[in-house]
Protein backbone atom coordinates (compact mmCIF):
# COMPACT_ATOMS: atom_id res chain seq x y z
CA MET A 1 -116.25 158.97 33.71
CA PRO A 2 -116.61 159.31 30.12
CA SER A 3 -113.56 159.18 27.63
CA GLU A 4 -112.12 162.52 27.07
CA ASN A 5 -109.48 161.67 23.82
CA ILE A 6 -110.84 161.39 20.71
CA THR A 7 -107.48 160.23 18.99
CA THR A 8 -105.17 157.89 17.44
CA ARG A 9 -101.68 157.65 19.10
CA ARG A 10 -98.90 155.28 19.47
CA GLN A 11 -98.16 154.92 23.20
CA PHE A 12 -95.46 152.05 25.16
CA MET A 13 -95.96 150.02 28.07
CA THR A 14 -93.32 148.26 29.94
CA ALA A 15 -94.00 144.54 30.45
CA SER A 16 -93.23 142.72 33.68
CA ASP A 17 -90.01 141.33 32.05
CA SER A 18 -88.77 144.93 31.10
CA THR A 19 -89.84 144.52 27.36
CA ARG A 20 -91.51 147.39 25.88
CA ILE A 21 -94.67 147.15 24.19
CA ALA A 22 -96.29 149.38 21.62
CA TYR A 23 -99.73 150.00 21.18
CA TYR A 24 -102.27 152.34 19.56
CA VAL A 25 -105.35 153.66 21.17
CA ASP A 26 -108.09 154.52 18.27
CA ASP A 27 -111.16 156.17 20.11
CA PHE A 28 -114.00 157.88 17.99
CA THR A 29 -116.78 157.20 20.32
CA ASP A 30 -119.19 160.10 21.49
CA PRO A 31 -117.25 162.08 24.18
CA TRP A 32 -119.73 161.76 26.78
CA LYS A 33 -120.21 157.97 26.79
CA GLU A 34 -118.02 155.28 28.13
CA PRO A 35 -117.43 153.02 25.69
CA GLN A 36 -116.42 149.32 25.81
CA THR A 37 -112.72 148.50 24.93
CA LEU A 38 -112.03 146.23 22.04
CA PHE A 39 -108.11 145.26 21.81
CA MET A 40 -106.95 143.95 18.41
CA THR A 41 -104.29 141.67 17.49
CA HIS A 42 -102.53 141.52 14.27
CA PRO A 43 -101.10 138.42 12.42
CA ALA A 44 -97.33 136.90 12.82
CA MET A 45 -94.96 138.67 11.10
CA SER A 46 -96.87 141.93 11.01
CA SER A 47 -97.75 144.87 13.49
CA ALA A 48 -100.82 146.89 14.19
CA ARG A 49 -100.62 148.82 10.95
CA ARG A 50 -101.91 145.59 9.34
CA LEU A 51 -105.39 146.55 10.69
CA TYR A 52 -105.79 149.61 9.89
CA ALA A 53 -108.99 149.09 7.77
CA PHE A 54 -110.95 147.54 10.73
CA VAL A 55 -110.54 151.15 12.56
CA PRO A 56 -113.24 153.23 11.07
CA HIS A 57 -115.75 150.76 11.25
CA LEU A 58 -115.02 149.95 15.01
CA ALA A 59 -113.41 153.11 16.76
CA ARG A 60 -116.85 154.96 16.37
CA HIS A 61 -118.43 152.70 18.59
CA TYR A 62 -115.62 150.93 20.70
CA ARG A 63 -112.43 152.35 22.35
CA VAL A 64 -110.06 150.07 20.10
CA VAL A 65 -106.76 149.23 21.40
CA ARG A 66 -104.03 147.64 18.81
CA MET A 67 -101.04 145.90 20.24
CA ASP A 68 -97.89 145.78 18.45
CA MET A 69 -96.87 142.09 19.62
CA ARG A 70 -93.50 141.93 21.04
CA GLY A 71 -90.71 141.72 18.65
CA HIS A 72 -93.27 143.05 15.91
CA GLY A 73 -93.90 146.47 14.54
CA SER A 74 -92.45 149.26 16.92
CA SER A 75 -92.46 146.72 19.78
CA PRO A 76 -88.54 146.15 20.13
CA VAL A 77 -87.14 142.48 19.87
CA PRO A 78 -86.91 141.18 23.05
CA SER A 79 -83.49 139.81 24.70
CA PRO A 80 -82.81 136.21 23.17
CA ASP A 81 -82.47 134.90 26.73
CA LEU A 82 -86.09 135.65 27.65
CA PRO A 83 -88.60 133.09 27.03
CA LEU A 84 -90.94 133.20 23.97
CA THR A 85 -94.19 131.13 25.23
CA ARG A 86 -97.46 131.35 24.65
CA GLU A 87 -97.75 132.29 28.45
CA ARG A 88 -95.62 135.34 27.93
CA LEU A 89 -97.57 136.56 24.79
CA MET A 90 -100.81 136.34 26.64
CA GLN A 91 -99.30 137.94 29.46
CA ASP A 92 -98.42 140.87 27.28
CA LEU A 93 -101.90 141.25 26.23
CA LEU A 94 -103.38 140.90 29.91
CA GLU A 95 -100.78 143.47 31.22
CA LEU A 96 -101.79 145.78 28.43
CA GLN A 97 -105.50 145.37 29.40
CA ASN A 98 -104.42 146.05 33.46
CA HIS A 99 -102.11 149.08 32.53
CA LEU A 100 -105.38 150.55 30.55
CA GLY A 101 -107.38 149.88 33.71
CA VAL A 102 -109.88 147.58 31.46
CA GLU A 103 -111.50 145.21 33.58
CA ARG A 104 -113.27 143.11 30.81
CA ALA A 105 -113.13 143.53 27.24
CA HIS A 106 -113.64 142.39 23.55
CA PHE A 107 -110.78 140.77 21.48
CA LEU A 108 -110.50 140.90 17.93
CA GLY A 109 -107.67 138.67 16.33
CA ALA A 110 -106.48 138.09 12.98
CA ALA A 111 -104.79 134.75 11.83
CA GLY A 112 -101.94 134.54 14.59
CA GLY A 113 -103.31 137.55 16.46
CA GLY A 114 -106.21 135.54 17.45
CA TYR A 115 -103.87 132.95 19.19
CA LEU A 116 -103.82 135.64 22.32
CA ALA A 117 -107.56 135.79 22.05
CA GLN A 118 -108.26 132.38 22.34
CA TRP A 119 -105.69 131.87 25.21
CA LEU A 120 -107.08 134.82 26.91
CA ALA A 121 -110.74 133.55 27.03
CA ILE A 122 -109.66 129.89 28.02
CA ALA A 123 -107.20 131.09 30.80
CA HIS A 124 -108.94 134.29 32.20
CA PRO A 125 -112.43 134.10 31.23
CA GLU A 126 -113.22 136.59 33.58
CA ARG A 127 -111.48 139.37 31.76
CA VAL A 128 -113.07 138.64 28.29
CA LEU A 129 -116.51 139.64 27.02
CA SER A 130 -116.35 138.10 23.59
CA ILE A 131 -113.56 136.92 21.06
CA LEU A 132 -113.52 137.37 17.42
CA LEU A 133 -111.47 135.18 15.21
CA PHE A 134 -110.46 136.03 11.50
CA ALA A 135 -108.49 132.91 9.73
CA SER A 136 -107.30 132.07 13.26
CA LYS A 137 -107.21 128.30 14.13
CA PRO A 138 -106.00 126.83 17.15
CA GLY A 139 -102.13 126.92 16.42
CA LEU A 140 -99.77 126.37 13.42
CA LYS A 141 -98.77 122.76 14.21
CA HIS A 142 -100.93 121.29 11.44
CA SER A 143 -99.71 123.61 8.79
CA GLN A 144 -96.77 124.02 6.40
CA ALA A 145 -95.36 127.16 8.42
CA ALA A 146 -92.33 125.10 9.38
CA SER A 147 -91.35 124.77 5.81
CA TRP A 148 -91.27 128.58 5.51
CA ILE A 149 -87.83 128.70 7.28
CA PRO A 150 -85.21 127.26 4.90
CA GLN A 151 -86.97 128.89 2.02
CA ILE A 152 -86.71 132.35 3.49
CA GLU A 153 -83.01 131.45 4.41
CA ALA A 154 -82.43 130.38 0.92
CA LYS A 155 -84.31 133.20 -0.98
CA GLY A 156 -84.95 135.93 1.18
CA LEU A 157 -88.05 137.06 2.70
CA ARG A 158 -89.53 139.37 0.21
CA PRO A 159 -88.88 136.42 -2.68
CA PHE A 160 -90.22 134.14 -0.41
CA LEU A 161 -93.55 136.21 0.07
CA LEU A 162 -94.03 137.14 -3.29
CA GLU A 163 -93.48 133.63 -4.67
CA THR A 164 -96.32 132.46 -2.17
CA ILE A 165 -98.60 135.49 -2.48
CA GLY A 166 -101.29 133.05 -3.85
CA ASP A 167 -101.71 131.50 -0.33
CA ARG A 168 -102.75 134.55 1.42
CA PHE A 169 -104.49 136.46 -1.50
CA PRO A 170 -107.03 134.98 -3.94
CA PRO A 171 -105.68 134.44 -7.58
CA GLY A 172 -105.97 137.05 -10.03
CA TYR A 173 -106.09 139.76 -7.00
CA ALA A 174 -105.62 143.06 -8.86
CA ASP A 175 -104.40 145.60 -6.06
CA LYS A 176 -100.67 145.08 -6.97
CA GLU A 177 -99.68 148.10 -4.61
CA HIS A 178 -101.65 146.58 -1.91
CA ILE A 179 -99.50 143.47 -2.11
CA ALA A 180 -96.56 145.50 -2.24
CA TRP A 181 -97.35 147.27 0.71
CA PHE A 182 -98.33 144.00 2.62
CA VAL A 183 -94.72 142.72 2.07
CA ASP A 184 -93.27 145.61 3.11
CA GLU A 185 -94.89 145.64 6.51
CA ILE A 186 -93.85 142.16 7.00
CA ALA A 187 -90.21 142.98 5.99
CA ARG A 188 -90.23 145.62 8.21
CA ASN A 189 -89.87 143.34 11.13
CA ASP A 190 -86.41 141.59 12.43
CA ILE A 191 -86.26 138.27 10.32
CA GLU A 192 -84.33 136.28 12.85
CA PHE A 193 -86.89 137.21 15.48
CA ILE A 194 -89.60 136.29 12.90
CA LYS A 195 -88.38 132.94 12.12
CA ARG A 196 -87.82 131.99 15.81
CA PHE A 197 -91.70 133.31 16.35
CA ILE A 198 -92.75 131.22 13.57
CA LEU A 199 -91.02 127.96 14.68
CA LYS A 200 -92.49 128.71 18.32
CA MET A 201 -96.13 128.60 16.88
CA THR A 202 -95.69 125.67 14.83
CA GLY A 203 -95.09 123.85 17.97
CA LEU A 204 -98.33 124.81 19.60
CA TYR A 205 -101.86 123.13 19.07
CA TRP A 206 -104.70 123.50 21.85
CA MET A 207 -107.83 122.23 19.63
CA ASP A 208 -108.62 120.29 22.95
CA GLU A 209 -108.81 123.40 25.08
CA VAL A 210 -110.98 125.65 22.98
CA GLY A 211 -114.12 123.92 24.40
CA ALA A 212 -113.27 125.88 27.66
CA ILE A 213 -114.30 129.12 25.94
CA ARG A 214 -117.67 130.25 26.94
CA CYS A 215 -118.03 133.76 25.96
CA PRO A 216 -119.98 134.68 22.67
CA THR A 217 -117.35 133.68 20.03
CA LEU A 218 -117.13 134.57 16.15
CA ILE A 219 -114.95 132.36 13.87
CA VAL A 220 -114.40 133.84 10.57
CA ALA A 221 -113.01 131.21 7.87
CA PRO A 222 -111.70 131.75 4.66
CA GLY A 223 -113.40 129.22 2.20
CA ASP A 224 -110.20 128.27 0.66
CA GLU A 225 -108.13 127.87 3.49
CA SER A 226 -104.40 127.67 2.05
CA ILE A 227 -102.32 127.66 5.16
CA GLY A 228 -103.13 124.56 7.48
CA ASP A 229 -106.01 122.79 7.61
CA GLY A 230 -109.01 124.48 6.95
CA GLY A 231 -110.84 121.71 8.60
CA ALA A 232 -110.10 123.25 12.05
CA TYR A 233 -112.65 125.91 11.76
CA PRO A 234 -115.72 123.79 11.68
CA GLU A 235 -114.35 121.81 14.60
CA MET A 236 -113.73 125.01 16.64
CA HIS A 237 -117.58 125.81 16.05
CA GLN A 238 -118.57 122.59 17.18
CA ARG A 239 -116.45 122.40 20.41
CA ILE A 240 -117.12 126.15 21.29
CA PRO A 241 -120.76 126.03 22.44
CA THR A 242 -121.09 130.03 22.25
CA SER A 243 -119.49 130.10 18.84
CA GLU A 244 -120.87 131.50 15.28
CA LEU A 245 -119.24 130.37 12.18
CA LEU A 246 -118.90 132.42 9.13
CA VAL A 247 -117.14 131.06 5.99
CA TYR A 248 -115.87 133.61 2.71
CA ASP A 249 -116.40 131.31 -0.03
CA GLY A 250 -113.30 131.25 -1.99
CA GLY A 251 -111.68 133.05 0.56
CA ARG A 252 -107.78 132.91 0.63
CA HIS A 253 -105.80 132.88 4.13
CA ASN A 254 -105.59 136.83 4.63
CA ILE A 255 -109.27 137.89 4.51
CA GLY A 256 -108.31 140.38 7.25
CA ASP A 257 -106.13 142.49 4.54
CA TYR A 258 -108.13 142.04 1.46
CA LEU A 259 -111.47 141.89 2.80
CA ALA A 260 -110.87 143.92 5.89
CA ASP A 261 -114.02 146.27 5.31
CA ARG A 262 -116.54 142.99 5.05
CA CYS A 263 -114.28 141.55 8.42
CA ALA A 264 -115.00 144.59 10.01
CA ALA A 265 -118.96 144.92 9.07
CA ASP A 266 -119.21 141.32 10.48
CA ALA A 267 -117.30 142.05 13.66
CA LEU A 268 -119.51 145.27 14.36
CA ALA A 269 -122.67 143.08 13.37
CA PHE A 270 -121.84 140.51 15.88
CA LEU A 271 -120.68 142.90 18.53
CA ARG A 272 -124.36 144.43 18.06
CA ARG A 273 -126.56 141.11 18.27
CA HIS A 274 -124.53 140.03 21.52
CA PHE A 275 -123.91 143.40 23.33
CA PRO A 276 -126.93 145.82 22.18
């Protein structure tokens, strides 16, 4: 039946290992229609709040669900004895899809959030309509991310982020209030879990698997990628037969933050082309 809620609200789901997962539903579609669902997953060291600027563009046309990955945002840090694996992180998203009664959906991920979309499209293609990836390569193994940990331990998270902000935002980016908010959002998270999460992601790389993705796939790449190998984006495009590649000339890694309106507009255009 048509959606009855036009709202934005935080809710919680209990995953199969008893970890609570926070999520937001943004639905501003026409109430007499049954919209498709679009799940959005945020970058590592972050929360669903970082995707706020996508919502006005997309929630008018799709039921948007933004999940806080376990240990991020309002999703509590899981017990240290619980495994932090690719399979578990993907399972959280799949269980949320089941919890909401959504058989098939679109999945949009920024940076590390795009990993979940890729994994789901590889392992459970029957549940995926499309994936949209923004600055999201197949893992962090070929990056400098492992070197962040000793710097964070030596300097603190905030000083480290401010010293390396040029890897994330373009030179001369003028909105200092945005940068301050960006750093505050990352600093809200538990630093020990963030370190654990980063180290786990640096051990993963699945380029050899992306050829199994068969759904419509949008790959949006920063042209001046500063975190990891920028050559991974055209290789992904070559390997995924149903993919489109957009390159933002001169873009730094965090295009989903400082170019959010452009990213959302390109996402909507892609979805309209493939799902008119």
